[in-house]
N, C-alpha and C. Protein backbone atom coordinates (compact mmCIF):
# COMPACT_ATOMS: atom_id res chain seq x y z
N MET A 1 -12.58 16.36 -9.49
CA MET A 1 -11.41 15.63 -9.99
C MET A 1 -10.25 15.82 -9.02
N LYS A 2 -9.63 14.72 -8.63
CA LYS A 2 -8.52 14.74 -7.69
C LYS A 2 -7.23 15.16 -8.39
N LYS A 3 -6.45 16.03 -7.72
CA LYS A 3 -5.17 16.43 -8.28
C LYS A 3 -4.19 15.28 -8.18
N GLU A 4 -3.37 15.17 -9.18
CA GLU A 4 -2.30 14.16 -9.20
C GLU A 4 -0.97 14.90 -9.27
N PHE A 5 0.03 14.33 -8.62
CA PHE A 5 1.37 14.89 -8.62
C PHE A 5 2.34 13.84 -9.13
N VAL A 6 3.43 14.30 -9.72
CA VAL A 6 4.41 13.40 -10.31
C VAL A 6 5.76 13.63 -9.64
N LEU A 7 6.35 12.54 -9.15
CA LEU A 7 7.69 12.57 -8.56
C LEU A 7 8.66 12.01 -9.59
N ILE A 8 9.69 12.79 -9.90
CA ILE A 8 10.75 12.36 -10.80
C ILE A 8 12.03 12.38 -9.98
N PHE A 9 12.74 11.27 -9.94
CA PHE A 9 13.94 11.25 -9.10
C PHE A 9 15.08 10.49 -9.77
N ASP A 10 16.28 10.76 -9.25
CA ASP A 10 17.48 10.08 -9.71
C ASP A 10 18.34 9.81 -8.48
N VAL A 11 18.74 8.57 -8.34
CA VAL A 11 19.60 8.16 -7.23
C VAL A 11 20.88 7.61 -7.83
N PRO A 12 22.06 8.09 -7.38
CA PRO A 12 23.32 7.55 -7.91
C PRO A 12 23.39 6.02 -7.78
N ARG A 13 24.04 5.38 -8.72
CA ARG A 13 24.11 3.91 -8.76
C ARG A 13 24.66 3.30 -7.47
N ASP A 14 25.57 3.99 -6.82
CA ASP A 14 26.17 3.43 -5.60
C ASP A 14 25.23 3.51 -4.39
N LEU A 15 24.06 4.11 -4.56
CA LEU A 15 23.07 4.21 -3.49
C LEU A 15 21.87 3.30 -3.77
N HIS A 16 22.17 2.07 -4.13
CA HIS A 16 21.11 1.12 -4.50
C HIS A 16 20.11 0.90 -3.36
N LYS A 17 20.59 0.89 -2.12
CA LYS A 17 19.69 0.67 -0.98
C LYS A 17 18.69 1.82 -0.83
N VAL A 18 19.12 3.03 -1.17
CA VAL A 18 18.22 4.19 -1.12
C VAL A 18 17.13 4.02 -2.16
N GLU A 19 17.50 3.65 -3.37
CA GLU A 19 16.51 3.47 -4.44
C GLU A 19 15.53 2.35 -4.07
N LEU A 20 16.02 1.29 -3.49
CA LEU A 20 15.16 0.18 -3.08
C LEU A 20 14.15 0.64 -2.02
N LYS A 21 14.61 1.42 -1.04
CA LYS A 21 13.71 1.93 0.00
C LYS A 21 12.66 2.86 -0.60
N VAL A 22 13.07 3.73 -1.49
CA VAL A 22 12.15 4.67 -2.13
C VAL A 22 11.08 3.90 -2.91
N ASN A 23 11.49 2.93 -3.71
CA ASN A 23 10.52 2.15 -4.49
C ASN A 23 9.55 1.39 -3.59
N ARG A 24 10.05 0.83 -2.51
CA ARG A 24 9.17 0.12 -1.57
C ARG A 24 8.17 1.07 -0.92
N ASP A 25 8.65 2.27 -0.53
CA ASP A 25 7.75 3.27 0.07
C ASP A 25 6.66 3.68 -0.91
N LEU A 26 7.04 3.91 -2.15
CA LEU A 26 6.07 4.32 -3.16
C LEU A 26 5.04 3.21 -3.41
N HIS A 27 5.49 1.98 -3.48
CA HIS A 27 4.55 0.85 -3.64
C HIS A 27 3.62 0.74 -2.44
N ARG A 28 4.18 0.86 -1.24
CA ARG A 28 3.38 0.72 -0.02
C ARG A 28 2.29 1.78 0.06
N HIS A 29 2.56 2.97 -0.45
CA HIS A 29 1.59 4.06 -0.40
C HIS A 29 0.74 4.12 -1.67
N GLU A 30 0.82 3.05 -2.46
CA GLU A 30 0.00 2.87 -3.65
C GLU A 30 0.19 3.94 -4.73
N ALA A 31 1.42 4.44 -4.83
CA ALA A 31 1.75 5.33 -5.94
C ALA A 31 1.79 4.49 -7.21
N LYS A 32 1.57 5.13 -8.34
CA LYS A 32 1.57 4.44 -9.63
C LYS A 32 2.86 4.77 -10.39
N MET A 33 3.57 3.71 -10.82
CA MET A 33 4.80 3.94 -11.58
C MET A 33 4.44 4.31 -13.02
N VAL A 34 5.00 5.41 -13.50
CA VAL A 34 4.82 5.84 -14.89
C VAL A 34 5.99 5.30 -15.71
N GLN A 35 7.20 5.49 -15.19
CA GLN A 35 8.43 4.93 -15.75
C GLN A 35 9.31 4.56 -14.56
N HIS A 36 10.51 4.10 -14.81
CA HIS A 36 11.39 3.60 -13.75
C HIS A 36 11.51 4.56 -12.56
N SER A 37 11.83 5.80 -12.79
CA SER A 37 12.01 6.78 -11.71
C SER A 37 10.98 7.90 -11.79
N VAL A 38 9.82 7.60 -12.31
CA VAL A 38 8.72 8.56 -12.44
C VAL A 38 7.47 7.92 -11.85
N TRP A 39 6.94 8.54 -10.80
CA TRP A 39 5.79 7.99 -10.09
C TRP A 39 4.70 9.03 -9.92
N ARG A 40 3.45 8.58 -9.88
CA ARG A 40 2.30 9.48 -9.75
C ARG A 40 1.52 9.11 -8.49
N HIS A 41 1.07 10.16 -7.78
CA HIS A 41 0.28 9.94 -6.56
C HIS A 41 -0.51 11.22 -6.27
N SER A 42 -1.62 11.07 -5.55
CA SER A 42 -2.44 12.24 -5.22
C SER A 42 -2.06 12.87 -3.87
N ASP A 43 -1.23 12.19 -3.08
CA ASP A 43 -0.84 12.69 -1.75
C ASP A 43 0.47 13.47 -1.85
N LEU A 44 0.35 14.78 -2.00
CA LEU A 44 1.53 15.63 -2.16
C LEU A 44 2.46 15.56 -0.96
N SER A 45 1.91 15.56 0.25
CA SER A 45 2.76 15.54 1.44
C SER A 45 3.60 14.26 1.50
N ARG A 46 3.04 13.14 1.09
CA ARG A 46 3.79 11.88 1.07
C ARG A 46 4.92 11.96 0.06
N LEU A 47 4.65 12.52 -1.12
CA LEU A 47 5.70 12.66 -2.14
C LEU A 47 6.80 13.61 -1.67
N ILE A 48 6.43 14.66 -0.95
CA ILE A 48 7.44 15.59 -0.42
C ILE A 48 8.34 14.88 0.58
N GLU A 49 7.76 14.04 1.45
CA GLU A 49 8.57 13.27 2.40
C GLU A 49 9.58 12.38 1.68
N ILE A 50 9.11 11.69 0.66
CA ILE A 50 9.99 10.79 -0.10
C ILE A 50 11.05 11.58 -0.85
N ALA A 51 10.67 12.69 -1.47
CA ALA A 51 11.63 13.52 -2.19
C ALA A 51 12.69 14.09 -1.25
N THR A 52 12.29 14.47 -0.06
CA THR A 52 13.23 15.00 0.94
C THR A 52 14.23 13.92 1.33
N PHE A 53 13.75 12.70 1.54
CA PHE A 53 14.64 11.57 1.85
C PHE A 53 15.65 11.34 0.73
N ILE A 54 15.17 11.38 -0.52
CA ILE A 54 16.05 11.17 -1.67
C ILE A 54 17.14 12.23 -1.69
N LYS A 55 16.77 13.49 -1.52
CA LYS A 55 17.75 14.58 -1.55
C LYS A 55 18.75 14.49 -0.41
N LYS A 56 18.27 14.16 0.79
CA LYS A 56 19.17 14.02 1.94
C LYS A 56 20.13 12.85 1.77
N SER A 57 19.75 11.89 0.95
CA SER A 57 20.56 10.69 0.72
C SER A 57 21.54 10.86 -0.44
N GLY A 58 21.52 12.02 -1.09
CA GLY A 58 22.47 12.28 -2.17
C GLY A 58 21.90 12.21 -3.57
N GLY A 59 20.60 12.02 -3.69
CA GLY A 59 19.97 11.97 -5.01
C GLY A 59 19.31 13.29 -5.35
N SER A 60 18.58 13.31 -6.45
CA SER A 60 17.83 14.50 -6.84
C SER A 60 16.37 14.11 -7.04
N ALA A 61 15.47 15.05 -6.75
CA ALA A 61 14.05 14.77 -6.87
C ALA A 61 13.29 16.04 -7.22
N THR A 62 12.26 15.89 -8.04
CA THR A 62 11.40 16.98 -8.45
C THR A 62 9.96 16.50 -8.38
N ILE A 63 9.06 17.38 -7.95
CA ILE A 63 7.65 17.05 -7.92
C ILE A 63 6.91 18.04 -8.81
N LEU A 64 6.09 17.52 -9.70
CA LEU A 64 5.30 18.34 -10.61
C LEU A 64 3.81 18.08 -10.37
N GLU A 65 3.00 19.07 -10.66
CA GLU A 65 1.55 18.86 -10.63
C GLU A 65 1.12 18.43 -12.02
N GLU A 66 0.43 17.31 -12.09
CA GLU A 66 -0.01 16.80 -13.39
C GLU A 66 -1.25 17.55 -13.84
N LYS A 67 -1.23 17.97 -15.09
CA LYS A 67 -2.39 18.68 -15.65
C LYS A 67 -2.63 18.12 -17.05
N LEU A 68 -3.77 17.53 -17.23
CA LEU A 68 -4.12 16.95 -18.53
C LEU A 68 -4.62 18.06 -19.45
N ILE A 69 -4.01 18.18 -20.61
CA ILE A 69 -4.37 19.22 -21.58
C ILE A 69 -5.32 18.67 -22.64
N PHE A 70 -5.04 17.49 -23.13
CA PHE A 70 -5.86 16.92 -24.19
C PHE A 70 -5.91 15.43 -24.08
């Protein structure tokens, strides 16, 4: 079973271009949207790159390892 990771992020409203770039990057790398700012992907290094970009741009980002309990 492949591990899945979840990226949760928040970008301030005045940084719309940052959010647009992040969403395009996530789509291009075939991440799956769970909710508006919650995405799932199996490539941890890719999510770390995107999260680093978000933080450097003034937003906040967290990556969690998904674990199915039931």
